[in-house]
């Protein structure tokens, strides 16, 4: 009888786990779906700022439960963080996705403000949770989350290297013409098109070094394809990928809640490891119930170490300490008056209003009553116009309004 009780308790070890996914967009909803199908947690809460979005996607997922055969409960909620209380793991996917031609780094200014608001609510209601950060630029957002929460570094994890490594293994299997499950490879460094480092020297096919099976030129092609893997999909899809990212989130969260102690490349805060301090960057780590349980050192060659240090330098240049995300300026009234006069009907691709609701596009005359903070990604809206806005919020959020010979700098 005692053995039966012990068996029952062991089998139910992970039944009372709760995971919150912030952001019910493509990535967040896919993550919630895979978490449910794999029964990673007993409850998954999907939360979004857009009215009804999370509720609708949660309902859609739950209507597959009897078809797929899972017992996880998925709940959707609009901006009510009280329902996320006491989560074991929280996943932050909220933010603006990439568009074709954009880099992850270009999302820094706008996504930092979103992540700050999300983190403050999550830590309030789930102070014991492990934070998984997915929002881009991921390394910077992970670093920001760590600083805002004040949590120990093992409880703040950036998910990027796992996804990059999956793409690396995909391209390797394509080059080898083999079963993709027989290929192993790892990507370290920053989660960026120019900062990630696919370690071809460590790549193997059933234990056989890939370098003995493929010519260097082919391996170089695989490495290059991996580094721009996200951008390739963004160009094809018109937005960021979501299926592989969602599955990667589930894989990482499962290792946490089920204490699987898997070796996963993640963005973590370094305190001397790899010769670096006060930086959040991708390295191989053991992931278990306590989050990051061990940072694994790698014997890097001189060339690999040089690339890693170069990547670290680029990640450092995000300059989060100089980025203010608590306030944004309002657009001067003269801007609206002059703009309406000269441009009339217009379309702007990315606008955030005071409630942080995303407006995909707006067509029509503007008036000063809109009072939008300056969160514009200006495309061709001002092309060949006398009136110009010079906006470098990506780096410092110091917008400059220019009207003829008059320039007003809105200093934050």
Protein backbone atom coordinates (compact mmCIF):
# COMPACT_ATOMS: atom_id res chain seq x y z
CA UNK A 1 0.00 0.00 0.00
CA UNK A 2 2.82 2.39 0.89
CA UNK A 3 4.47 1.70 -2.46
CA UNK A 4 1.21 2.44 -4.27
CA UNK A 5 0.84 5.74 -2.42
CA UNK A 6 4.41 6.70 -3.24
CA UNK A 7 3.86 5.81 -6.89
CA UNK A 8 0.70 7.93 -6.98
CA UNK A 9 2.45 10.92 -5.40
CA UNK A 10 5.35 10.62 -7.81
CA UNK A 11 3.10 10.41 -10.85
CA UNK A 12 1.25 13.54 -9.70
CA UNK A 13 4.44 15.45 -8.89
CA UNK A 14 3.89 18.06 -11.58
CA UNK A 15 0.09 18.14 -11.58
CA UNK A 16 -0.26 21.33 -9.54
CA UNK A 17 1.87 23.60 -11.67
CA UNK A 18 0.85 26.93 -13.16
CA UNK A 19 2.44 28.69 -16.11
CA UNK A 20 1.56 32.19 -17.27
CA UNK A 21 2.25 33.30 -20.84
CA UNK A 22 2.13 37.06 -21.37
CA UNK A 23 1.17 38.00 -24.91
CA UNK A 24 -1.51 36.14 -26.84
CA UNK A 25 0.00 36.84 -30.24
CA UNK A 26 1.32 34.14 -32.52
CA UNK A 27 4.26 33.15 -30.32
CA UNK A 28 2.42 33.30 -27.00
CA UNK A 29 -0.64 31.42 -28.24
CA UNK A 30 1.52 28.72 -29.86
CA UNK A 31 3.49 28.34 -26.64
CA UNK A 32 0.26 27.95 -24.65
CA UNK A 33 -0.98 25.38 -27.16
CA UNK A 34 2.18 23.25 -27.03
CA UNK A 35 2.33 23.53 -23.23
CA UNK A 36 -1.22 22.20 -23.08
CA UNK A 37 -0.76 19.41 -25.62
CA UNK A 38 2.36 18.19 -23.81
CA UNK A 39 0.66 18.62 -20.42
CA UNK A 40 3.63 20.54 -19.11
CA UNK A 41 1.49 22.20 -16.42
CA UNK A 42 -1.94 21.66 -14.93
CA UNK A 43 -2.90 25.26 -15.69
CA UNK A 44 -1.78 27.72 -18.34
CA UNK A 45 -2.88 31.35 -18.13
CA UNK A 46 -2.71 33.35 -21.37
CA UNK A 47 -2.88 37.11 -20.81
CA UNK A 48 -2.95 40.01 -23.26
CA UNK A 49 -3.77 43.70 -23.25
CA UNK A 50 -6.12 43.42 -26.22
CA UNK A 51 -9.70 42.83 -25.16
CA UNK A 52 -10.87 39.28 -25.82
CA UNK A 53 -7.77 38.08 -27.65
CA UNK A 54 -6.41 35.82 -24.92
CA UNK A 55 -9.87 34.54 -24.03
CA UNK A 56 -10.57 33.62 -27.64
CA UNK A 57 -7.29 31.81 -28.18
CA UNK A 58 -7.56 29.97 -24.87
CA UNK A 59 -11.06 28.84 -25.79
CA UNK A 60 -9.82 27.72 -29.21
CA UNK A 61 -7.06 25.66 -27.59
CA UNK A 62 -9.40 24.11 -25.03
CA UNK A 63 -11.76 22.99 -27.79
CA UNK A 64 -9.00 20.66 -29.00
CA UNK A 65 -8.56 18.98 -25.59
CA UNK A 66 -10.89 16.07 -26.30
CA UNK A 67 -9.48 15.70 -29.82
CA UNK A 68 -5.81 15.68 -28.82
CA UNK A 69 -6.33 14.22 -25.36
CA UNK A 70 -4.85 16.60 -22.79
CA UNK A 71 -6.02 17.57 -19.30
CA UNK A 72 -4.28 20.93 -18.96
CA UNK A 73 -6.64 23.86 -18.35
CA UNK A 74 -5.90 26.94 -20.48
CA UNK A 75 -7.45 30.22 -19.35
CA UNK A 76 -7.47 33.53 -21.18
CA UNK A 77 -7.61 36.93 -19.51
CA UNK A 78 -7.46 40.57 -20.56
CA UNK A 79 -4.92 42.57 -18.56
CA UNK A 80 -5.92 41.20 -15.13
CA UNK A 81 -2.72 40.01 -13.51
CA UNK A 82 -4.48 38.86 -10.34
CA UNK A 83 -5.42 35.72 -12.28
CA UNK A 84 -1.73 34.98 -12.88
CA UNK A 85 -1.00 34.88 -9.15
CA UNK A 86 1.29 32.17 -7.80
CA UNK A 87 2.57 31.04 -11.18
CA UNK A 88 5.53 28.70 -11.09
CA UNK A 89 6.88 29.99 -14.39
CA UNK A 90 6.02 33.19 -16.28
CA UNK A 91 6.84 33.64 -19.95
CA UNK A 92 7.13 37.10 -21.50
CA UNK A 93 6.41 37.13 -25.22
CA UNK A 94 4.68 40.52 -25.36
CA UNK A 95 6.12 43.19 -27.60
CA UNK A 96 6.24 44.29 -31.19
CA UNK A 97 7.25 41.52 -33.63
CA UNK A 98 9.78 42.07 -36.37
CA UNK A 99 8.77 43.09 -39.84
CA UNK A 100 10.76 42.29 -42.99
CA UNK A 101 14.04 44.20 -43.01
CA UNK A 102 14.03 44.89 -39.27
CA UNK A 103 16.61 43.55 -36.85
CA UNK A 104 15.75 42.35 -33.35
CA UNK A 105 17.84 45.21 -31.96
CA UNK A 106 15.59 47.80 -33.58
CA UNK A 107 12.80 46.80 -31.20
CA UNK A 108 14.72 47.87 -28.10
CA UNK A 109 13.08 51.18 -27.27
CA UNK A 110 9.47 50.22 -27.75
CA UNK A 111 9.65 46.72 -26.27
CA UNK A 112 11.58 47.88 -23.20
CA UNK A 113 8.60 49.96 -22.08
CA UNK A 114 6.22 47.05 -22.61
CA UNK A 115 8.45 44.57 -20.79
CA UNK A 116 8.87 46.96 -17.85
CA UNK A 117 5.11 47.19 -17.35
CA UNK A 118 4.66 43.43 -17.68
CA UNK A 119 7.48 42.56 -15.30
CA UNK A 120 6.19 44.90 -12.58
CA UNK A 121 2.80 43.17 -12.65
CA UNK A 122 4.22 39.65 -12.77
CA UNK A 123 6.62 40.08 -9.86
CA UNK A 124 3.78 41.59 -7.80
CA UNK A 125 1.56 38.53 -8.08
CA UNK A 126 4.13 35.75 -8.60
CA UNK A 127 7.21 36.73 -6.58
CA UNK A 128 8.49 33.14 -6.48
CA UNK A 129 8.19 32.48 -10.21
CA UNK A 130 10.95 31.75 -12.67
CA UNK A 131 10.95 34.29 -15.51
CA UNK A 132 11.43 33.19 -19.12
CA UNK A 133 11.98 36.12 -21.47
CA UNK A 134 11.28 35.83 -25.19
CA UNK A 135 10.56 39.44 -26.22
CA UNK A 136 13.17 40.93 -28.56
CA UNK A 137 15.88 42.00 -28.41
CA UNK A 138 15.91 39.03 -26.08
CA UNK A 139 19.32 39.41 -24.42
CA UNK A 140 18.60 43.03 -23.53
CA UNK A 141 15.07 42.28 -22.34
CA UNK A 142 16.36 39.45 -20.15
CA UNK A 143 18.95 41.79 -18.64
CA UNK A 144 16.27 44.43 -18.08
CA UNK A 145 13.98 41.89 -16.40
CA UNK A 146 16.77 40.82 -14.06
CA UNK A 147 17.48 44.41 -13.05
CA UNK A 148 13.82 45.34 -12.61
CA UNK A 149 12.91 42.31 -10.49
CA UNK A 150 16.07 42.07 -8.41
CA UNK A 151 15.71 38.29 -8.57
CA UNK A 152 18.68 35.94 -8.28
CA UNK A 153 20.15 35.29 -11.70
CA UNK A 154 19.09 31.64 -11.79
CA UNK A 155 15.44 32.70 -11.95
CA UNK A 156 15.64 34.92 -15.05
CA UNK A 157 16.25 33.05 -18.31
CA UNK A 158 16.28 34.28 -21.90
CA UNK A 159 14.98 31.88 -24.54
CA UNK A 160 16.89 32.33 -27.78
CA UNK A 161 19.80 29.92 -28.01
CA UNK A 162 17.45 26.95 -27.90
CA UNK A 163 15.56 28.25 -30.93
CA UNK A 164 18.76 29.17 -32.77
CA UNK A 165 20.20 25.73 -32.06
CA UNK A 166 17.06 24.06 -33.41
CA UNK A 167 17.42 26.05 -36.61
CA UNK A 168 21.12 25.13 -36.77
CA UNK A 169 20.27 21.44 -36.51
CA UNK A 170 17.59 21.82 -39.18
CA UNK A 171 20.04 23.32 -41.67
CA UNK A 172 22.65 20.68 -40.78
CA UNK A 173 20.17 17.86 -41.40
CA UNK A 174 19.24 19.43 -44.74
CA UNK A 175 22.89 19.61 -45.76
CA UNK A 176 23.55 16.04 -44.64
CA UNK A 177 20.30 14.66 -46.04
CA UNK A 178 19.70 12.81 -42.78
CA UNK A 179 17.06 12.44 -40.08
CA UNK A 180 16.96 15.72 -38.19
CA UNK A 181 16.74 13.91 -34.84
CA UNK A 182 20.17 12.37 -35.42
CA UNK A 183 21.94 15.74 -35.60
CA UNK A 184 23.31 17.65 -32.63
CA UNK A 185 24.55 21.22 -32.55
CA UNK A 186 24.62 24.27 -30.35
CA UNK A 187 24.47 28.04 -30.82
CA UNK A 188 25.87 30.45 -28.23
CA UNK A 189 26.28 34.23 -28.05
CA UNK A 190 23.69 36.92 -28.56
CA UNK A 191 20.29 36.20 -30.07
CA UNK A 192 20.86 38.39 -33.10
CA UNK A 193 21.52 37.95 -36.80
CA UNK A 194 25.10 39.17 -36.34
CA UNK A 195 25.78 38.07 -32.76
CA UNK A 196 24.83 34.39 -32.62
CA UNK A 197 27.61 31.81 -32.97
CA UNK A 198 26.70 28.39 -34.39
CA UNK A 199 29.52 26.14 -33.14
CA UNK A 200 30.15 24.00 -36.21
CA UNK A 201 33.15 22.34 -34.53
CA UNK A 202 30.82 20.81 -31.94
CA UNK A 203 28.16 19.68 -34.42
CA UNK A 204 27.77 15.91 -34.78
CA UNK A 205 25.75 13.35 -36.70
CA UNK A 206 25.23 10.34 -34.42
CA UNK A 207 28.49 11.19 -32.68
CA UNK A 208 30.42 11.72 -35.91
CA UNK A 209 31.81 15.27 -36.29
CA UNK A 210 29.97 17.03 -39.10
CA UNK A 211 33.28 18.57 -40.15
CA UNK A 212 34.35 15.12 -41.39
CA UNK A 213 31.19 14.69 -43.45
CA UNK A 214 30.71 18.08 -45.09
CA UNK A 215 33.17 20.38 -46.86
CA UNK A 216 34.02 23.65 -45.13
CA UNK A 217 32.16 25.65 -47.78
CA UNK A 218 28.94 23.76 -47.04
CA UNK A 219 29.36 24.15 -43.30
CA UNK A 220 29.90 27.89 -43.78
CA UNK A 221 26.63 28.03 -45.73
CA UNK A 222 24.83 26.26 -42.89
CA UNK A 223 26.26 28.68 -40.34
CA UNK A 224 25.25 31.69 -42.41
CA UNK A 225 21.73 30.31 -42.98
CA UNK A 226 21.36 29.72 -39.25
CA UNK A 227 22.39 33.25 -38.34
CA UNK A 228 19.75 34.77 -40.64
CA UNK A 229 17.24 31.99 -39.98
CA UNK A 230 14.81 34.29 -38.19
CA UNK A 231 15.12 37.01 -40.81
CA UNK A 232 14.54 34.46 -43.56
CA UNK A 233 11.25 33.44 -41.99
CA UNK A 234 10.26 37.05 -41.33
CA UNK A 235 10.76 37.81 -45.02
CA UNK A 236 8.68 34.80 -46.05
CA UNK A 237 5.92 35.25 -43.48
CA UNK A 238 5.78 39.03 -43.30
CA UNK A 239 6.26 38.86 -39.53
CA UNK A 240 8.27 36.95 -36.94
CA UNK A 241 8.06 33.15 -36.89
CA UNK A 242 5.94 31.60 -34.15
CA UNK A 243 5.70 27.80 -34.41
CA UNK A 244 9.32 26.92 -33.59
CA UNK A 245 9.58 29.74 -31.01
CA UNK A 246 6.41 28.52 -29.29
CA UNK A 247 7.67 24.93 -29.22
CA UNK A 248 11.04 26.12 -27.89
CA UNK A 249 9.29 27.92 -25.03
CA UNK A 250 7.43 24.75 -24.09
CA UNK A 251 10.65 22.70 -24.21
CA UNK A 252 12.39 25.11 -21.84
CA UNK A 253 9.45 25.45 -19.44
CA UNK A 254 9.04 21.67 -19.30
CA UNK A 255 12.65 21.27 -18.22
CA UNK A 256 11.93 23.70 -15.38
CA UNK A 257 8.63 22.40 -14.01
CA UNK A 258 9.55 18.73 -14.44
CA UNK A 259 13.09 19.24 -13.15
CA UNK A 260 14.52 17.52 -16.21
CA UNK A 261 17.94 19.17 -15.87
CA UNK A 262 18.38 19.42 -19.62
CA UNK A 263 21.42 21.11 -21.14
CA UNK A 264 19.99 24.09 -23.03
CA UNK A 265 21.70 27.18 -24.47
CA UNK A 266 20.00 30.15 -22.78
CA UNK A 267 20.68 33.83 -22.22
CA UNK A 268 21.78 34.18 -18.60
CA UNK A 269 23.57 36.72 -16.45
CA UNK A 270 27.30 36.07 -16.24
CA UNK A 271 29.44 36.89 -13.20
CA UNK A 272 32.86 35.89 -14.40
CA UNK A 273 31.96 32.85 -16.47
CA UNK A 274 33.57 32.92 -19.92
CA UNK A 275 35.63 35.87 -18.66
CA UNK A 276 32.58 38.19 -18.70
CA UNK A 277 30.76 40.13 -16.00
CA UNK A 278 27.52 42.10 -15.81
CA UNK A 279 26.20 40.85 -19.13
CA UNK A 280 23.32 38.63 -20.20
CA UNK A 281 24.23 36.41 -23.14
CA UNK A 282 23.66 32.90 -24.49
CA UNK A 283 25.70 30.02 -23.05
CA UNK A 284 24.91 26.34 -22.33
CA UNK A 285 23.22 25.82 -18.95
CA UNK A 286 21.54 23.04 -17.02
CA UNK A 287 17.86 23.90 -16.53
CA UNK A 288 15.83 22.40 -13.71
CA UNK A 289 13.26 23.25 -11.04
CA UNK A 290 15.43 26.06 -9.72
CA UNK A 291 15.84 27.59 -13.15
CA UNK A 292 19.48 27.84 -14.17
CA UNK A 293 21.19 25.24 -12.01
CA UNK A 294 24.62 25.28 -13.60
CA UNK A 295 26.48 27.23 -16.27
CA UNK A 296 28.52 24.85 -18.40
CA UNK A 297 31.97 26.01 -19.56
CA UNK A 298 33.01 25.26 -23.13
CA UNK A 299 36.51 24.84 -24.50
CA UNK A 300 36.39 27.47 -27.23
CA UNK A 301 39.08 27.83 -29.86
CA UNK A 302 40.79 31.20 -30.35
CA UNK A 303 38.53 31.94 -33.30
CA UNK A 304 35.37 30.94 -31.40
CA UNK A 305 36.42 32.95 -28.35
CA UNK A 306 37.07 35.98 -30.52
CA UNK A 307 33.59 35.67 -32.02
CA UNK A 308 32.06 35.24 -28.56
CA UNK A 309 33.78 38.34 -27.20
CA UNK A 310 32.70 40.29 -30.28
CA UNK A 311 29.14 39.14 -29.69
CA UNK A 312 29.35 40.17 -26.04
CA UNK A 313 30.57 43.62 -27.03
CA UNK A 314 27.61 44.05 -29.37
CA UNK A 315 25.16 42.93 -26.67
CA UNK A 316 26.74 45.40 -24.24
CA UNK A 317 26.04 48.23 -26.67
CA UNK A 318 22.30 47.96 -25.99
CA UNK A 319 23.00 50.52 -23.25
CA UNK A 320 20.02 49.69 -21.08
CA UNK A 321 21.30 51.94 -18.31
CA UNK A 322 20.83 54.91 -20.61
CA UNK A 323 17.37 53.85 -21.74
CA UNK A 324 14.50 55.53 -19.92
CA UNK A 325 11.28 53.56 -20.30
CA UNK A 326 9.12 55.33 -17.74
CA UNK A 327 8.19 58.44 -19.72
CA UNK A 328 7.69 59.44 -23.33
CA UNK A 329 7.13 62.88 -24.84
CA UNK A 330 3.91 64.08 -26.43
CA UNK A 331 3.91 65.23 -30.01
CA UNK A 332 3.84 69.07 -30.28
CA UNK A 333 0.60 70.57 -31.55
CA UNK A 334 2.41 72.39 -34.35
CA UNK A 335 3.43 69.01 -35.70
CA UNK A 336 -0.15 67.86 -36.22
CA UNK A 337 -1.16 71.19 -37.79
CA UNK A 338 1.74 71.24 -40.20
CA UNK A 339 1.48 67.55 -40.98
CA UNK A 340 -2.23 67.68 -41.80
CA UNK A 341 -1.65 70.65 -44.03
CA UNK A 342 1.16 69.11 -46.04
CA UNK A 343 0.38 65.39 -45.95
CA UNK A 344 -3.36 65.08 -45.44
CA UNK A 345 -4.39 61.43 -45.47
CA UNK A 346 -1.54 59.22 -44.31
CA UNK A 347 -0.61 55.79 -43.06
CA UNK A 348 1.81 54.94 -40.29
CA UNK A 349 2.74 51.36 -39.57
CA UNK A 350 3.46 51.35 -35.85
CA UNK A 351 1.83 53.69 -33.35
CA UNK A 352 1.48 53.20 -29.60
CA UNK A 353 -0.99 55.35 -27.74
CA UNK A 354 -1.13 56.03 -24.02
CA UNK A 355 -2.74 52.65 -23.36
CA UNK A 356 0.01 50.82 -25.26
CA UNK A 357 -2.51 49.37 -27.70
CA UNK A 358 -1.03 48.46 -31.02
CA UNK A 359 -2.43 50.20 -34.08
CA UNK A 360 -1.37 48.34 -37.18
CA UNK A 361 -2.25 51.23 -39.46
CA UNK A 362 -4.22 54.43 -39.38
CA UNK A 363 -5.54 56.36 -42.32
CA UNK A 364 -7.03 59.82 -42.01
CA UNK A 365 -6.18 63.33 -40.86
CA UNK A 366 -4.57 63.76 -37.46
CA UNK A 367 -5.38 66.38 -34.85
CA UNK A 368 -3.65 67.34 -31.63
CA UNK A 369 -6.42 65.59 -29.70
CA UNK A 370 -4.72 62.26 -30.38
CA UNK A 371 -1.79 63.17 -28.11
CA UNK A 372 0.17 60.08 -29.08
CA UNK A 373 3.51 59.64 -27.36
CA UNK A 374 6.24 59.39 -29.96
CA UNK A 375 6.39 55.70 -30.75
CA UNK A 376 6.62 55.85 -34.53
CA UNK A 377 8.43 53.51 -36.82
CA UNK A 378 8.58 55.89 -39.75
CA UNK A 379 8.65 54.25 -43.13
CA UNK A 380 7.88 56.23 -46.25
CA UNK A 381 5.25 58.42 -44.60
CA UNK A 382 7.56 61.43 -44.64
CA UNK A 383 9.41 60.66 -47.82
CA UNK A 384 9.85 63.72 -50.05
CA UNK A 385 8.09 65.88 -47.46
CA UNK A 386 9.34 69.20 -46.13
CA UNK A 387 8.34 68.17 -42.63
CA UNK A 388 10.56 65.52 -41.09
CA UNK A 389 10.76 63.62 -37.85
CA UNK A 390 14.13 62.30 -36.82
CA UNK A 391 13.49 59.54 -34.33
CA UNK A 392 16.23 57.49 -32.67
CA UNK A 393 14.16 55.90 -29.91
CA UNK A 394 15.86 52.62 -30.75
CA UNK A 395 18.95 53.70 -28.88
CA UNK A 396 18.11 56.52 -26.46
CA UNK A 397 14.50 57.60 -27.01
CA UNK A 398 15.55 61.17 -27.83
CA UNK A 399 13.09 62.24 -30.51
CA UNK A 400 13.85 65.39 -32.50
CA UNK A 401 11.04 67.33 -34.15
CA UNK A 402 12.19 69.50 -37.03
CA UNK A 403 10.09 72.16 -38.75
CA UNK A 404 11.91 74.20 -41.35
CA UNK A 405 14.75 75.93 -39.56
CA UNK A 406 13.19 75.30 -36.13
CA UNK A 407 14.28 72.25 -34.19
CA UNK A 408 12.92 71.15 -30.83
CA UNK A 409 14.72 68.42 -28.95
CA UNK A 410 12.58 66.57 -26.46
CA UNK A 411 15.12 65.43 -23.90
CA UNK A 412 14.16 62.58 -21.64
